[in-house]
């Protein structure tokens, strides 16, 4: 885990979910966002998203509950939620996929898509 990604857990208190803890995290009330990092040494977008994610969480003022997906659990999460691009943010409500946003995007693109996810718009998958 890179230092920036580690900051999400140590400084911001985001949980790291694995195959054992994933279901408990997803069944809690509220909109969940799973950060599938991929290998941050090879995927530079991973560190960028690690900086952007807390800003997104703050922007949506308590409507998003984030977690970092443990590297060992990434294949399971990616298969379950059809996330074939890494890094990606996977948005889940009541255990069901709402949408995903792969790689780094413009701020306005994040805001528009996430607002649509939170407002119950039809799932928008960006693969």
N, C-alpha and C. Protein backbone atom coordinates (compact mmCIF):
# COMPACT_ATOMS: atom_id res chain seq x y z
N UNK A 1 0.85 -1.17 0.00
CA UNK A 1 0.00 0.00 0.00
C UNK A 1 0.90 1.24 0.00
N UNK A 2 0.59 2.16 -0.86
CA UNK A 2 1.40 3.38 -0.93
C UNK A 2 1.12 4.27 0.28
N UNK A 3 1.99 5.22 0.50
CA UNK A 3 1.82 6.14 1.63
C UNK A 3 0.51 6.93 1.50
N UNK A 4 0.17 7.36 0.29
CA UNK A 4 -1.06 8.13 0.11
C UNK A 4 -2.29 7.27 0.39
N UNK A 5 -2.27 6.04 -0.06
CA UNK A 5 -3.40 5.15 0.20
C UNK A 5 -3.46 4.81 1.69
N UNK A 6 -2.31 4.60 2.29
CA UNK A 6 -2.26 4.32 3.72
C UNK A 6 -2.83 5.49 4.54
N UNK A 7 -2.66 6.70 4.05
CA UNK A 7 -3.21 7.88 4.72
C UNK A 7 -4.73 7.80 4.81
N UNK A 8 -5.37 7.19 3.83
CA UNK A 8 -6.82 7.05 3.87
C UNK A 8 -7.26 6.28 5.11
N UNK A 9 -6.49 5.28 5.49
CA UNK A 9 -6.85 4.49 6.66
C UNK A 9 -6.34 5.10 7.95
N UNK A 10 -5.10 5.58 7.94
CA UNK A 10 -4.51 6.09 9.18
C UNK A 10 -5.02 7.48 9.55
N UNK A 11 -5.13 8.36 8.61
CA UNK A 11 -5.52 9.74 8.89
C UNK A 11 -7.03 9.96 8.80
N UNK A 12 -7.63 9.36 7.77
CA UNK A 12 -9.06 9.58 7.54
C UNK A 12 -9.93 8.50 8.18
N UNK A 13 -9.32 7.41 8.62
CA UNK A 13 -10.07 6.36 9.30
C UNK A 13 -10.91 5.46 8.40
N UNK A 14 -10.61 5.44 7.11
CA UNK A 14 -11.35 4.56 6.21
C UNK A 14 -11.00 3.11 6.54
N UNK A 15 -11.98 2.24 6.60
CA UNK A 15 -11.67 0.84 6.85
C UNK A 15 -11.06 0.19 5.61
N UNK A 16 -10.30 -0.85 5.83
CA UNK A 16 -9.83 -1.71 4.75
C UNK A 16 -10.72 -2.93 4.79
N UNK A 17 -11.40 -3.21 3.69
CA UNK A 17 -12.29 -4.36 3.65
C UNK A 17 -11.65 -5.48 2.86
N UNK A 18 -11.87 -6.69 3.35
CA UNK A 18 -11.42 -7.88 2.64
C UNK A 18 -12.64 -8.76 2.42
N UNK A 19 -12.43 -9.97 1.93
CA UNK A 19 -13.57 -10.84 1.64
C UNK A 19 -14.38 -11.15 2.89
N UNK A 20 -13.73 -11.16 4.05
CA UNK A 20 -14.42 -11.46 5.30
C UNK A 20 -15.25 -10.29 5.79
N UNK A 21 -14.76 -9.08 5.67
CA UNK A 21 -15.45 -7.91 6.22
C UNK A 21 -16.30 -7.15 5.21
N UNK A 22 -16.22 -7.52 3.95
CA UNK A 22 -16.92 -6.79 2.89
C UNK A 22 -18.42 -6.75 3.12
N UNK A 23 -19.04 -7.90 3.37
CA UNK A 23 -20.50 -7.96 3.51
C UNK A 23 -20.99 -7.09 4.65
N UNK A 24 -20.29 -7.14 5.78
CA UNK A 24 -20.70 -6.31 6.92
C UNK A 24 -20.65 -4.83 6.55
N UNK A 25 -19.61 -4.43 5.83
CA UNK A 25 -19.49 -3.03 5.41
C UNK A 25 -20.62 -2.65 4.46
N UNK A 26 -20.93 -3.54 3.51
CA UNK A 26 -21.93 -3.22 2.49
C UNK A 26 -23.35 -3.24 3.02
N UNK A 27 -23.61 -3.94 4.11
CA UNK A 27 -24.98 -4.02 4.62
C UNK A 27 -25.31 -2.90 5.60
N UNK A 28 -24.31 -2.11 5.96
CA UNK A 28 -24.59 -0.93 6.78
C UNK A 28 -25.41 0.06 5.95
N UNK A 29 -26.25 0.87 6.62
CA UNK A 29 -27.04 1.84 5.86
C UNK A 29 -26.17 2.90 5.20
N UNK A 30 -26.66 3.42 4.10
CA UNK A 30 -25.97 4.51 3.42
C UNK A 30 -25.25 4.05 2.16
N UNK A 31 -24.85 5.02 1.40
CA UNK A 31 -24.14 4.76 0.14
C UNK A 31 -22.68 4.50 0.43
N UNK A 32 -22.18 3.41 -0.10
CA UNK A 32 -20.81 2.95 0.12
C UNK A 32 -19.99 3.19 -1.14
N UNK A 33 -18.73 3.53 -0.95
CA UNK A 33 -17.81 3.63 -2.08
C UNK A 33 -16.57 2.80 -1.74
N UNK A 34 -16.29 1.84 -2.62
CA UNK A 34 -15.13 0.97 -2.47
C UNK A 34 -14.02 1.47 -3.39
N UNK A 35 -12.87 1.68 -2.83
CA UNK A 35 -11.71 2.11 -3.62
C UNK A 35 -10.87 0.89 -3.94
N UNK A 36 -10.93 0.47 -5.19
CA UNK A 36 -10.12 -0.63 -5.70
C UNK A 36 -8.87 0.01 -6.28
N UNK A 37 -7.75 -0.13 -5.57
CA UNK A 37 -6.56 0.64 -5.92
C UNK A 37 -5.74 0.05 -7.05
N UNK A 38 -5.74 -1.27 -7.18
CA UNK A 38 -4.76 -1.88 -8.07
C UNK A 38 -3.38 -1.67 -7.48
N UNK A 39 -2.36 -1.91 -8.25
CA UNK A 39 -0.98 -1.76 -7.78
C UNK A 39 -0.55 -0.30 -7.92
N UNK A 40 -0.46 0.44 -6.81
CA UNK A 40 -0.13 1.86 -6.92
C UNK A 40 1.28 2.13 -7.44
N UNK A 41 2.15 1.13 -7.42
CA UNK A 41 3.48 1.31 -7.98
C UNK A 41 3.44 1.31 -9.51
N UNK A 42 2.42 0.68 -10.08
CA UNK A 42 2.30 0.61 -11.53
C UNK A 42 1.20 1.51 -12.07
N UNK A 43 0.22 1.81 -11.23
CA UNK A 43 -0.93 2.60 -11.65
C UNK A 43 -0.91 3.94 -10.92
N UNK A 44 -0.37 4.94 -11.57
CA UNK A 44 -0.21 6.24 -10.93
C UNK A 44 -1.54 6.88 -10.54
N UNK A 45 -2.62 6.54 -11.25
CA UNK A 45 -3.93 7.07 -10.91
C UNK A 45 -4.35 6.69 -9.49
N UNK A 46 -3.85 5.57 -8.99
CA UNK A 46 -4.23 5.13 -7.64
C UNK A 46 -3.89 6.17 -6.59
N UNK A 47 -2.70 6.72 -6.66
CA UNK A 47 -2.32 7.74 -5.69
C UNK A 47 -3.11 9.03 -5.88
N UNK A 48 -3.43 9.37 -7.13
CA UNK A 48 -4.24 10.55 -7.38
C UNK A 48 -5.63 10.39 -6.76
N UNK A 49 -6.22 9.22 -6.94
CA UNK A 49 -7.55 8.98 -6.38
C UNK A 49 -7.49 8.97 -4.86
N UNK A 50 -6.38 8.52 -4.29
CA UNK A 50 -6.23 8.55 -2.83
C UNK A 50 -6.28 9.98 -2.30
N UNK A 51 -5.88 10.94 -3.10
CA UNK A 51 -5.95 12.35 -2.72
C UNK A 51 -7.36 12.90 -2.97
N UNK A 52 -7.98 12.48 -4.05
CA UNK A 52 -9.29 12.99 -4.46
C UNK A 52 -10.42 12.44 -3.58
N UNK A 53 -10.34 11.17 -3.19
CA UNK A 53 -11.44 10.53 -2.48
C UNK A 53 -11.87 11.27 -1.21
N UNK A 54 -10.96 11.69 -0.33
CA UNK A 54 -11.42 12.44 0.85
C UNK A 54 -12.12 13.75 0.49
N UNK A 55 -11.70 14.37 -0.60
CA UNK A 55 -12.35 15.60 -1.05
C UNK A 55 -13.78 15.31 -1.53
N UNK A 56 -13.95 14.18 -2.21
CA UNK A 56 -15.29 13.79 -2.66
C UNK A 56 -16.19 13.48 -1.46
N UNK A 57 -15.64 12.75 -0.50
CA UNK A 57 -16.41 12.41 0.71
C UNK A 57 -16.83 13.70 1.42
N UNK A 58 -15.92 14.66 1.54
CA UNK A 58 -16.24 15.93 2.18
C UNK A 58 -17.29 16.70 1.38
N UNK A 59 -17.15 16.69 0.07
CA UNK A 59 -18.08 17.44 -0.79
C UNK A 59 -19.52 16.94 -0.59
N UNK A 60 -19.68 15.64 -0.45
CA UNK A 60 -21.02 15.06 -0.32
C UNK A 60 -21.47 14.94 1.14
N UNK A 61 -20.76 15.59 2.04
CA UNK A 61 -21.14 15.82 3.43
C UNK A 61 -21.86 14.66 4.11
N UNK A 62 -21.13 13.57 4.29
CA UNK A 62 -21.67 12.45 5.05
C UNK A 62 -22.60 11.53 4.30
N UNK A 63 -22.72 11.70 3.01
CA UNK A 63 -23.59 10.81 2.23
C UNK A 63 -22.84 9.61 1.68
N UNK A 64 -21.51 9.65 1.69
CA UNK A 64 -20.68 8.56 1.17
C UNK A 64 -19.87 7.95 2.31
N UNK A 65 -19.86 6.63 2.36
CA UNK A 65 -19.07 5.90 3.35
C UNK A 65 -18.01 5.10 2.60
N UNK A 66 -16.75 5.55 2.66
CA UNK A 66 -15.70 4.94 1.86
C UNK A 66 -14.96 3.82 2.59
N UNK A 67 -14.38 2.94 1.78
CA UNK A 67 -13.47 1.91 2.28
C UNK A 67 -12.45 1.61 1.20
N UNK A 68 -11.29 1.18 1.64
CA UNK A 68 -10.24 0.74 0.73
C UNK A 68 -10.34 -0.78 0.65
N UNK A 69 -10.33 -1.31 -0.55
CA UNK A 69 -10.39 -2.76 -0.73
C UNK A 69 -8.99 -3.32 -0.59
N UNK A 70 -8.84 -4.32 0.29
CA UNK A 70 -7.55 -4.99 0.46
C UNK A 70 -7.12 -5.58 -0.88
N UNK A 71 -5.86 -5.49 -1.17
CA UNK A 71 -5.36 -5.98 -2.47
C UNK A 71 -5.75 -7.43 -2.72
N UNK A 72 -5.69 -8.28 -1.69
CA UNK A 72 -6.03 -9.70 -1.86
C UNK A 72 -7.51 -9.89 -2.19
N UNK A 73 -8.36 -8.94 -1.82
CA UNK A 73 -9.80 -9.05 -2.07
C UNK A 73 -10.21 -8.40 -3.39
N UNK A 74 -9.30 -7.73 -4.06
CA UNK A 74 -9.65 -7.03 -5.29
C UNK A 74 -10.25 -7.95 -6.36
N UNK A 75 -9.70 -9.14 -6.61
CA UNK A 75 -10.33 -9.99 -7.63
C UNK A 75 -11.79 -10.31 -7.32
N UNK A 76 -12.09 -10.58 -6.06
CA UNK A 76 -13.47 -10.88 -5.64
C UNK A 76 -14.37 -9.67 -5.87
N UNK A 77 -13.94 -8.51 -5.42
CA UNK A 77 -14.73 -7.28 -5.55
C UNK A 77 -14.91 -6.92 -7.03
N UNK A 78 -13.84 -7.02 -7.80
CA UNK A 78 -13.91 -6.68 -9.22
C UNK A 78 -14.87 -7.60 -9.97
N UNK A 79 -14.84 -8.88 -9.65
CA UNK A 79 -15.74 -9.82 -10.31
C UNK A 79 -17.19 -9.54 -9.90
N UNK A 80 -17.41 -9.37 -8.62
CA UNK A 80 -18.77 -9.15 -8.11
C UNK A 80 -19.40 -7.88 -8.68
N UNK A 81 -18.61 -6.81 -8.77
CA UNK A 81 -19.16 -5.52 -9.18
C UNK A 81 -18.74 -5.11 -10.59
N UNK A 82 -18.26 -6.05 -11.36
CA UNK A 82 -17.93 -5.82 -12.77
C UNK A 82 -16.96 -4.66 -12.97
N UNK A 83 -15.99 -4.56 -12.09
CA UNK A 83 -14.99 -3.49 -12.17
C UNK A 83 -13.74 -4.05 -12.82
N UNK A 84 -13.65 -3.90 -14.13
CA UNK A 84 -12.53 -4.50 -14.84
C UNK A 84 -11.37 -3.54 -15.09
N UNK A 85 -11.50 -2.31 -14.61
CA UNK A 85 -10.42 -1.33 -14.75
C UNK A 85 -9.97 -0.92 -13.36
N UNK A 86 -8.68 -0.83 -13.17
CA UNK A 86 -8.13 -0.37 -11.89
C UNK A 86 -7.26 0.84 -12.15
N UNK A 87 -7.23 1.77 -11.26
CA UNK A 87 -8.06 1.90 -10.06
C UNK A 87 -9.48 2.31 -10.43
N UNK A 88 -10.39 2.03 -9.50
CA UNK A 88 -11.78 2.42 -9.71
C UNK A 88 -12.46 2.68 -8.39
N UNK A 89 -13.46 3.51 -8.43
CA UNK A 89 -14.35 3.73 -7.29
C UNK A 89 -15.65 3.02 -7.62
N UNK A 90 -16.06 2.12 -6.74
CA UNK A 90 -17.28 1.33 -6.94
C UNK A 90 -18.32 1.82 -5.93
N UNK A 91 -19.48 2.23 -6.41
CA UNK A 91 -20.53 2.77 -5.57
C UNK A 91 -21.61 1.71 -5.38
N UNK A 92 -21.93 1.46 -4.11
CA UNK A 92 -22.83 0.36 -3.75
C UNK A 92 -23.88 0.89 -2.76
N UNK A 93 -25.12 0.44 -2.96
CA UNK A 93 -26.20 0.76 -2.02
C UNK A 93 -26.96 -0.54 -1.75
N UNK A 94 -27.17 -0.84 -0.49
CA UNK A 94 -27.89 -2.05 -0.09
C UNK A 94 -27.27 -3.30 -0.72
N UNK A 95 -25.95 -3.31 -0.82
CA UNK A 95 -25.24 -4.46 -1.37
C UNK A 95 -25.27 -4.58 -2.88
N UNK A 96 -25.92 -3.63 -3.54
CA UNK A 96 -26.05 -3.68 -5.00
C UNK A 96 -25.24 -2.57 -5.66
N UNK A 97 -24.65 -2.91 -6.79
CA UNK A 97 -23.88 -1.95 -7.56
C UNK A 97 -24.78 -0.80 -8.03
N UNK A 98 -24.33 0.42 -7.78
CA UNK A 98 -25.02 1.60 -8.28
C UNK A 98 -24.27 2.15 -9.50
N UNK A 99 -22.95 2.07 -9.47
CA UNK A 99 -22.14 2.54 -10.58
C UNK A 99 -20.68 2.52 -10.21
N UNK A 100 -19.85 2.83 -11.16
CA UNK A 100 -18.41 2.88 -10.90
C UNK A 100 -17.78 3.98 -11.74
N UNK A 101 -16.67 4.46 -11.22
CA UNK A 101 -15.90 5.49 -11.93
C UNK A 101 -14.44 5.04 -11.94
N UNK A 102 -13.96 4.57 -13.08
CA UNK A 102 -12.57 4.14 -13.16
C UNK A 102 -11.62 5.31 -13.44
N UNK A 103 -10.40 5.12 -13.00
CA UNK A 103 -9.31 6.06 -13.26
C UNK A 103 -9.63 7.47 -12.78
N UNK A 104 -8.72 8.37 -12.99
CA UNK A 104 -8.89 9.76 -12.57
C UNK A 104 -9.76 10.49 -13.58
N UNK A 105 -10.65 11.33 -13.06
CA UNK A 105 -11.56 12.12 -13.89
C UNK A 105 -11.45 13.59 -13.50
N UNK A 106 -12.04 14.43 -14.30
CA UNK A 106 -12.18 15.84 -13.94
C UNK A 106 -13.12 15.94 -12.74
N UNK A 107 -12.89 16.94 -11.90
CA UNK A 107 -13.71 17.13 -10.71
C UNK A 107 -15.20 17.18 -11.05
N UNK A 108 -15.57 17.96 -12.06
CA UNK A 108 -16.98 18.10 -12.42
C UNK A 108 -17.58 16.77 -12.86
N UNK A 109 -16.79 15.94 -13.52
CA UNK A 109 -17.26 14.62 -13.94
C UNK A 109 -17.56 13.75 -12.71
N UNK A 110 -16.66 13.78 -11.73
CA UNK A 110 -16.92 13.05 -10.47
C UNK A 110 -18.22 13.53 -9.85
N UNK A 111 -18.36 14.83 -9.70
CA UNK A 111 -19.52 15.40 -9.00
C UNK A 111 -20.81 15.02 -9.71
N UNK A 112 -20.83 15.16 -11.02
CA UNK A 112 -22.03 14.84 -11.79
C UNK A 112 -22.41 13.36 -11.65
N UNK A 113 -21.44 12.49 -11.82
CA UNK A 113 -21.73 11.06 -11.76
C UNK A 113 -22.14 10.63 -10.35
N UNK A 114 -21.42 11.10 -9.34
CA UNK A 114 -21.73 10.71 -7.97
C UNK A 114 -23.10 11.27 -7.56
N UNK A 115 -23.39 12.48 -7.94
CA UNK A 115 -24.71 13.05 -7.64
C UNK A 115 -25.79 12.17 -8.26
N UNK A 116 -25.59 11.72 -9.49
CA UNK A 116 -26.54 10.82 -10.14
C UNK A 116 -26.68 9.52 -9.37
N UNK A 117 -25.57 8.96 -8.91
CA UNK A 117 -25.63 7.72 -8.12
C UNK A 117 -26.43 7.95 -6.84
N UNK A 118 -26.14 9.04 -6.14
CA UNK A 118 -26.79 9.30 -4.86
C UNK A 118 -28.27 9.65 -5.01
N UNK A 119 -28.61 10.27 -6.11
CA UNK A 119 -29.99 10.67 -6.32
C UNK A 119 -30.83 9.56 -6.93
N UNK A 120 -30.22 8.39 -7.10
CA UNK A 120 -30.98 7.25 -7.58
C UNK A 120 -31.14 7.16 -9.07
N UNK A 121 -30.33 7.89 -9.80
CA UNK A 121 -30.39 7.77 -11.26
C UNK A 121 -30.00 6.36 -11.65
N UNK A 122 -30.36 5.99 -12.85
CA UNK A 122 -29.99 4.67 -13.34
C UNK A 122 -28.49 4.49 -13.24
N UNK A 123 -28.04 3.28 -12.92
CA UNK A 123 -26.60 3.05 -12.82
C UNK A 123 -25.87 3.48 -14.09
N UNK A 124 -24.75 4.10 -13.87
CA UNK A 124 -23.89 4.54 -14.96
C UNK A 124 -22.55 3.83 -14.78
N UNK A 125 -22.25 2.94 -15.68
CA UNK A 125 -21.01 2.19 -15.59
C UNK A 125 -20.05 2.73 -16.63
N UNK A 126 -18.87 3.07 -16.19
CA UNK A 126 -17.87 3.67 -17.09
C UNK A 126 -16.68 2.76 -17.22
N UNK A 127 -16.77 1.82 -18.07
CA UNK A 127 -15.63 0.91 -18.26
C UNK A 127 -14.89 1.30 -19.50
